[in-house]
Each structure stands twice: as structure tokens, then as C-alpha cells.
Amino acid sequence: MAKFIYKMESILGIKYKMEDQAKISYGIARRKLMKEEDRLHELNIRLEGYQNKGKELRMQKLNICKLREYTEASEAVKKEIKLQELAVRRAEQQVELARQRLNAAMLERKTHEKLKENAKEVFFLELASGERKEIDELVSFRYNNPTN
């Protein structure tokens, strides 16, 4: 019996590798986004702590130096938060780009898998057709040349 050989198997293999690379890139981008979001969360907590400490100082005996220190620290953290929010947005864009690349790689792989399935189906149809033809020839030969 004839064996099915897909002529573009190497291309399909490349598509699998491209998809794997896209998955890895997507994972890296997701981890970076999570890291940036965690850093932003930590900065927000730090800001909240400085603001709370400033409120406490305002309620107690007025200490201008400490109050100015916490106010300046709060302002510095607010600037860091704005920068970190930009970093988070960039990371989100990178995740979206990686996701789009992954989707494109998956689509290409699925397309080539479908082409392989179609080629295999055609191969087996041609094989079955050839077998039917051989059987018809054998039957017609026996019918036309009866052996007594």
C-alpha cells in the first residue's frame, strides 16, 4: 500500500516552531506586564503610606521638617507612579502585539494543517480510485476471458 507523504511537511514544522516562539514571546511580555503592574502597586502603597504619615504629623504637634520631608517624598512617589503608569501602558502594548503575533502564527499553522488534511484526503481518494480501477479491470478480464 502506498504511503502518504506531505510535500510541505518542512513548512508545517517551521510553522509549529514559529508558533512556539510566539508563545514564548507572549509569555515574556505577560510576565513583564505583571512585573510592571506589581511595581506600580508597590508605589501606590508607598504613596499611601507617606500620605498617611503626613496626616498623622498634621494631627500631632507641628513638626515642619518632618511634614516637608513626607510631602516631598509623596511628590517624588507621584512622579514615579506617573512614569510607572507609562511603563505599564508600554508593557500592555507589547502584550497586545505579542498576542497578535501569536494569533497570526496559530492561524498560519492551522492553515497548513488544513492543507495537509486536504492533501491526505485527495491522496486516499486517488488511491481508492486506483484500486477500484484495478478491480474493474480484473473483473472485466475474467468476464471476457472465462476459463473452463
C-alpha atoms as a PDB file:
ATOM      1  CA  MET A   1       0.000   0.000   0.000  1.00  0.00           C
ATOM      2  CA  ALA A   2       1.221   3.486  -0.844  1.00  0.00           C
ATOM      3  CA  LYS A   3       2.279   5.780   1.971  1.00  0.00           C
ATOM      4  CA  PHE A   4       1.111   9.382   2.233  1.00  0.00           C
ATOM      5  CA  ILE A   5       3.956  11.905   2.141  1.00  0.00           C
ATOM      6  CA  TYR A   6       3.121  15.587   2.560  1.00  0.00           C
ATOM      7  CA  LYS A   7       5.430  17.623   0.341  1.00  0.00           C
ATOM      8  CA  MET A   8       5.272  20.719   2.551  1.00  0.00           C
ATOM      9  CA  GLU A   9       5.903  18.934   5.875  1.00  0.00           C
ATOM     10  CA  SER A  10       9.028  21.037   6.467  1.00  0.00           C
ATOM     11  CA  ILE A  11       6.985  24.231   6.127  1.00  0.00           C
ATOM     12  CA  LEU A  12       4.455  22.877   8.611  1.00  0.00           C
ATOM     13  CA  GLY A  13       7.321  22.141  11.004  1.00  0.00           C
ATOM     14  CA  ILE A  14       8.539  25.719  10.627  1.00  0.00           C
ATOM     15  CA  LYS A  15       5.035  26.988  11.365  1.00  0.00           C
ATOM     16  CA  TYR A  16       4.979  24.928  14.582  1.00  0.00           C
ATOM     17  CA  LYS A  17       8.323  26.432  15.607  1.00  0.00           C
ATOM     18  CA  MET A  18       7.131  29.948  14.779  1.00  0.00           C
ATOM     19  CA  GLU A  19       4.039  29.383  16.899  1.00  0.00           C
ATOM     20  CA  ASP A  20       6.177  28.116  19.798  1.00  0.00           C
ATOM     21  CA  GLN A  21       8.389  31.200  19.553  1.00  0.00           C
ATOM     22  CA  ALA A  22       5.317  33.437  19.514  1.00  0.00           C
ATOM     23  CA  LYS A  23       4.005  31.671  22.630  1.00  0.00           C
ATOM     24  CA  ILE A  24       7.324  32.241  24.378  1.00  0.00           C
ATOM     25  CA  SER A  25       7.338  35.927  23.377  1.00  0.00           C
ATOM     26  CA  TYR A  26       3.782  36.306  24.609  1.00  0.00           C
ATOM     27  CA  GLY A  27       4.688  34.695  27.939  1.00  0.00           C
ATOM     28  CA  ILE A  28       7.677  37.000  28.366  1.00  0.00           C
ATOM     29  CA  ALA A  29       5.542  40.051  27.581  1.00  0.00           C
ATOM     30  CA  ARG A  30       2.873  38.918  30.075  1.00  0.00           C
ATOM     31  CA  ARG A  31       5.472  38.412  32.814  1.00  0.00           C
ATOM     32  CA  LYS A  32       6.942  41.867  32.124  1.00  0.00           C
ATOM     33  CA  LEU A  33       3.466  43.410  32.313  1.00  0.00           C
ATOM     34  CA  MET A  34       2.794  41.672  35.622  1.00  0.00           C
ATOM     35  CA  LYS A  35       6.140  42.900  36.961  1.00  0.00           C
ATOM     36  CA  GLU A  36       5.365  46.487  35.928  1.00  0.00           C
ATOM     37  CA  GLU A  37       1.881  46.294  37.451  1.00  0.00           C
ATOM     38  CA  ASP A  38       3.340  44.933  40.699  1.00  0.00           C
ATOM     39  CA  ARG A  39       5.834  47.805  40.800  1.00  0.00           C
ATOM     40  CA  LEU A  40       3.004  50.304  40.235  1.00  0.00           C
ATOM     41  CA  HIS A  41       1.007  48.694  43.037  1.00  0.00           C
ATOM     42  CA  GLU A  42       4.011  48.929  45.377  1.00  0.00           C
ATOM     43  CA  LEU A  43       4.464  52.606  44.506  1.00  0.00           C
ATOM     44  CA  ASN A  44       0.796  53.312  45.210  1.00  0.00           C
ATOM     45  CA  ILE A  45       1.118  51.602  48.591  1.00  0.00           C
ATOM     46  CA  ARG A  46       4.254  53.635  49.345  1.00  0.00           C
ATOM     47  CA  LEU A  47       2.464  56.858  48.378  1.00  0.00           C
ATOM     48  CA  GLU A  48      -0.461  55.972  50.584  1.00  0.00           C
ATOM     49  CA  GLY A  49       1.941  55.339  53.470  1.00  0.00           C
ATOM     50  CA  TYR A  50       3.613  58.729  53.006  1.00  0.00           C
ATOM     51  CA  GLN A  51       0.250  60.468  52.813  1.00  0.00           C
ATOM     52  CA  ASN A  52      -0.996  58.705  55.948  1.00  0.00           C
ATOM     53  CA  LYS A  53       2.177  59.601  57.813  1.00  0.00           C
ATOM     54  CA  GLY A  54       1.749  63.220  56.690  1.00  0.00           C
ATOM     55  CA  LYS A  55      -1.821  63.251  58.017  1.00  0.00           C
ATOM     56  CA  GLU A  56      -0.616  61.836  61.337  1.00  0.00           C
ATOM     57  CA  LEU A  57       2.039  64.531  61.570  1.00  0.00           C
ATOM     58  CA  ARG A  58      -0.553  67.242  60.917  1.00  0.00           C
ATOM     59  CA  MET A  59      -2.673  65.915  63.773  1.00  0.00           C
ATOM     60  CA  GLN A  60       0.236  65.890  66.224  1.00  0.00           C
ATOM     61  CA  LYS A  61       2.492  68.660  67.378  1.00  0.00           C
ATOM     62  CA  LEU A  62       3.530  70.543  64.245  1.00  0.00           C
ATOM     63  CA  ASN A  63       6.964  69.426  63.009  1.00  0.00           C
ATOM     64  CA  ILE A  64       7.671  71.368  59.835  1.00  0.00           C
ATOM     65  CA  CYS A  65      10.807  69.415  58.861  1.00  0.00           C
ATOM     66  CA  LYS A  66       9.083  66.040  59.069  1.00  0.00           C
ATOM     67  CA  LEU A  67       5.991  67.337  57.356  1.00  0.00           C
ATOM     68  CA  ARG A  68       8.056  68.784  54.477  1.00  0.00           C
ATOM     69  CA  GLU A  69      10.002  65.504  54.246  1.00  0.00           C
ATOM     70  CA  TYR A  70       6.857  63.425  53.810  1.00  0.00           C
ATOM     71  CA  THR A  71       5.305  65.949  51.422  1.00  0.00           C
ATOM     72  CA  GLU A  72       8.415  65.871  49.212  1.00  0.00           C
ATOM     73  CA  ALA A  73       8.524  62.095  49.398  1.00  0.00           C
ATOM     74  CA  SER A  74       4.869  61.967  48.356  1.00  0.00           C
ATOM     75  CA  GLU A  75       5.534  64.229  45.387  1.00  0.00           C
ATOM     76  CA  ALA A  76       8.547  62.162  44.340  1.00  0.00           C
ATOM     77  CA  VAL A  77       6.498  58.950  44.519  1.00  0.00           C
ATOM     78  CA  LYS A  78       3.709  60.579  42.493  1.00  0.00           C
ATOM     79  CA  LYS A  79       6.232  61.298  39.735  1.00  0.00           C
ATOM     80  CA  GLU A  80       7.474  57.702  39.910  1.00  0.00           C
ATOM     81  CA  ILE A  81       3.881  56.488  39.696  1.00  0.00           C
ATOM     82  CA  LYS A  82       3.298  58.526  36.514  1.00  0.00           C
ATOM     83  CA  LEU A  83       6.443  57.053  34.975  1.00  0.00           C
ATOM     84  CA  GLN A  84       5.425  53.583  36.087  1.00  0.00           C
ATOM     85  CA  GLU A  85       1.965  54.028  34.582  1.00  0.00           C
ATOM     86  CA  LEU A  86       3.678  54.799  31.270  1.00  0.00           C
ATOM     87  CA  ALA A  87       5.790  51.656  31.669  1.00  0.00           C
ATOM     88  CA  VAL A  88       2.633  49.627  32.337  1.00  0.00           C
ATOM     89  CA  ARG A  89       0.968  51.043  29.214  1.00  0.00           C
ATOM     90  CA  ARG A  90       4.034  50.186  27.116  1.00  0.00           C
ATOM     91  CA  ALA A  91       4.045  46.673  28.574  1.00  0.00           C
ATOM     92  CA  GLU A  92       0.327  46.317  27.777  1.00  0.00           C
ATOM     93  CA  GLN A  93       1.034  47.370  24.190  1.00  0.00           C
ATOM     94  CA  GLN A  94       3.830  44.798  23.974  1.00  0.00           C
ATOM     95  CA  VAL A  95       1.490  42.108  25.307  1.00  0.00           C
ATOM     96  CA  GLU A  96      -1.125  43.061  22.715  1.00  0.00           C
ATOM     97  CA  LEU A  97       1.474  42.976  19.943  1.00  0.00           C
ATOM     98  CA  ALA A  98       2.745  39.579  21.118  1.00  0.00           C
ATOM     99  CA  ARG A  99      -0.849  38.291  21.275  1.00  0.00           C
ATOM    100  CA  GLN A 100      -1.487  39.426  17.710  1.00  0.00           C
ATOM    101  CA  ARG A 101       1.704  37.715  16.544  1.00  0.00           C
ATOM    102  CA  LEU A 102       0.686  34.545  18.369  1.00  0.00           C
ATOM    103  CA  ASN A 103      -2.758  34.616  16.760  1.00  0.00           C
ATOM    104  CA  ALA A 104      -1.197  35.094  13.324  1.00  0.00           C
ATOM    105  CA  ALA A 105       1.233  32.206  13.905  1.00  0.00           C
ATOM    106  CA  MET A 106      -1.603  29.955  15.092  1.00  0.00           C
ATOM    107  CA  LEU A 107      -3.684  30.883  12.051  1.00  0.00           C
ATOM    108  CA  GLU A 108      -0.818  30.058   9.684  1.00  0.00           C
ATOM    109  CA  ARG A 109      -0.199  26.728  11.428  1.00  0.00           C
ATOM    110  CA  LYS A 110      -3.879  25.814  11.280  1.00  0.00           C
ATOM    111  CA  THR A 111      -3.990  26.768   7.601  1.00  0.00           C
ATOM    112  CA  HIS A 112      -1.078  24.461   6.799  1.00  0.00           C
ATOM    113  CA  GLU A 113      -2.599  21.675   8.892  1.00  0.00           C
ATOM    114  CA  LYS A 114      -5.814  22.029   6.898  1.00  0.00           C
ATOM    115  CA  LEU A 115      -3.830  21.928   3.650  1.00  0.00           C
ATOM    116  CA  LYS A 116      -2.156  18.734   4.859  1.00  0.00           C
ATOM    117  CA  GLU A 117      -5.518  17.190   5.737  1.00  0.00           C
ATOM    118  CA  ASN A 118      -6.897  18.111   2.304  1.00  0.00           C
ATOM    119  CA  ALA A 119      -3.841  16.673   0.546  1.00  0.00           C
ATOM    120  CA  LYS A 120      -4.168  13.472   2.577  1.00  0.00           C
ATOM    121  CA  GLU A 121      -7.847  13.209   1.705  1.00  0.00           C
ATOM    122  CA  VAL A 122      -7.095  13.678  -2.013  1.00  0.00           C
ATOM    123  CA  PHE A 123      -4.312  11.072  -1.778  1.00  0.00           C
ATOM    124  CA  PHE A 124      -6.641   8.482  -0.269  1.00  0.00           C
ATOM    125  CA  LEU A 125      -9.391   9.266  -2.783  1.00  0.00           C
ATOM    126  CA  GLU A 126      -6.924   8.766  -5.642  1.00  0.00           C
ATOM    127  CA  LEU A 127      -5.678   5.557  -4.026  1.00  0.00           C
ATOM    128  CA  ALA A 128      -9.242   4.231  -3.675  1.00  0.00           C
ATOM    129  CA  SER A 129      -9.994   5.237  -7.261  1.00  0.00           C
ATOM    130  CA  GLY A 130      -6.896   3.359  -8.461  1.00  0.00           C
ATOM    131  CA  GLU A 131      -7.904   0.264  -6.506  1.00  0.00           C
ATOM    132  CA  ARG A 132     -11.447   0.376  -7.947  1.00  0.00           C
ATOM    133  CA  LYS A 133      -9.974   0.690 -11.432  1.00  0.00           C
ATOM    134  CA  GLU A 134      -7.743  -2.342 -10.875  1.00  0.00           C
ATOM    135  CA  ILE A 135     -10.693  -4.352  -9.565  1.00  0.00           C
ATOM    136  CA  ASP A 136     -12.816  -3.323 -12.573  1.00  0.00           C
ATOM    137  CA  GLU A 137     -10.014  -4.361 -14.944  1.00  0.00           C
ATOM    138  CA  LEU A 138      -9.632  -7.699 -13.173  1.00  0.00           C
ATOM    139  CA  VAL A 139     -13.387  -8.332 -13.274  1.00  0.00           C
ATOM    140  CA  SER A 140     -13.653  -7.374 -16.946  1.00  0.00           C
ATOM    141  CA  PHE A 141     -10.644  -9.565 -17.796  1.00  0.00           C
ATOM    142  CA  ARG A 142     -12.200 -12.566 -16.064  1.00  0.00           C
ATOM    143  CA  TYR A 143     -15.580 -11.871 -17.698  1.00  0.00           C
ATOM    144  CA  ASN A 144     -14.065 -11.523 -21.172  1.00  0.00           C
ATOM    145  CA  ASN A 145     -11.702 -14.497 -20.793  1.00  0.00           C
ATOM    146  CA  PRO A 146     -13.626 -17.187 -18.970  1.00  0.00           C
ATOM    147  CA  THR A 147     -11.502 -20.185 -18.138  1.00  0.00           C
ATOM    148  CA  ASN A 148     -13.290 -23.525 -18.386  1.00  0.00           C
END
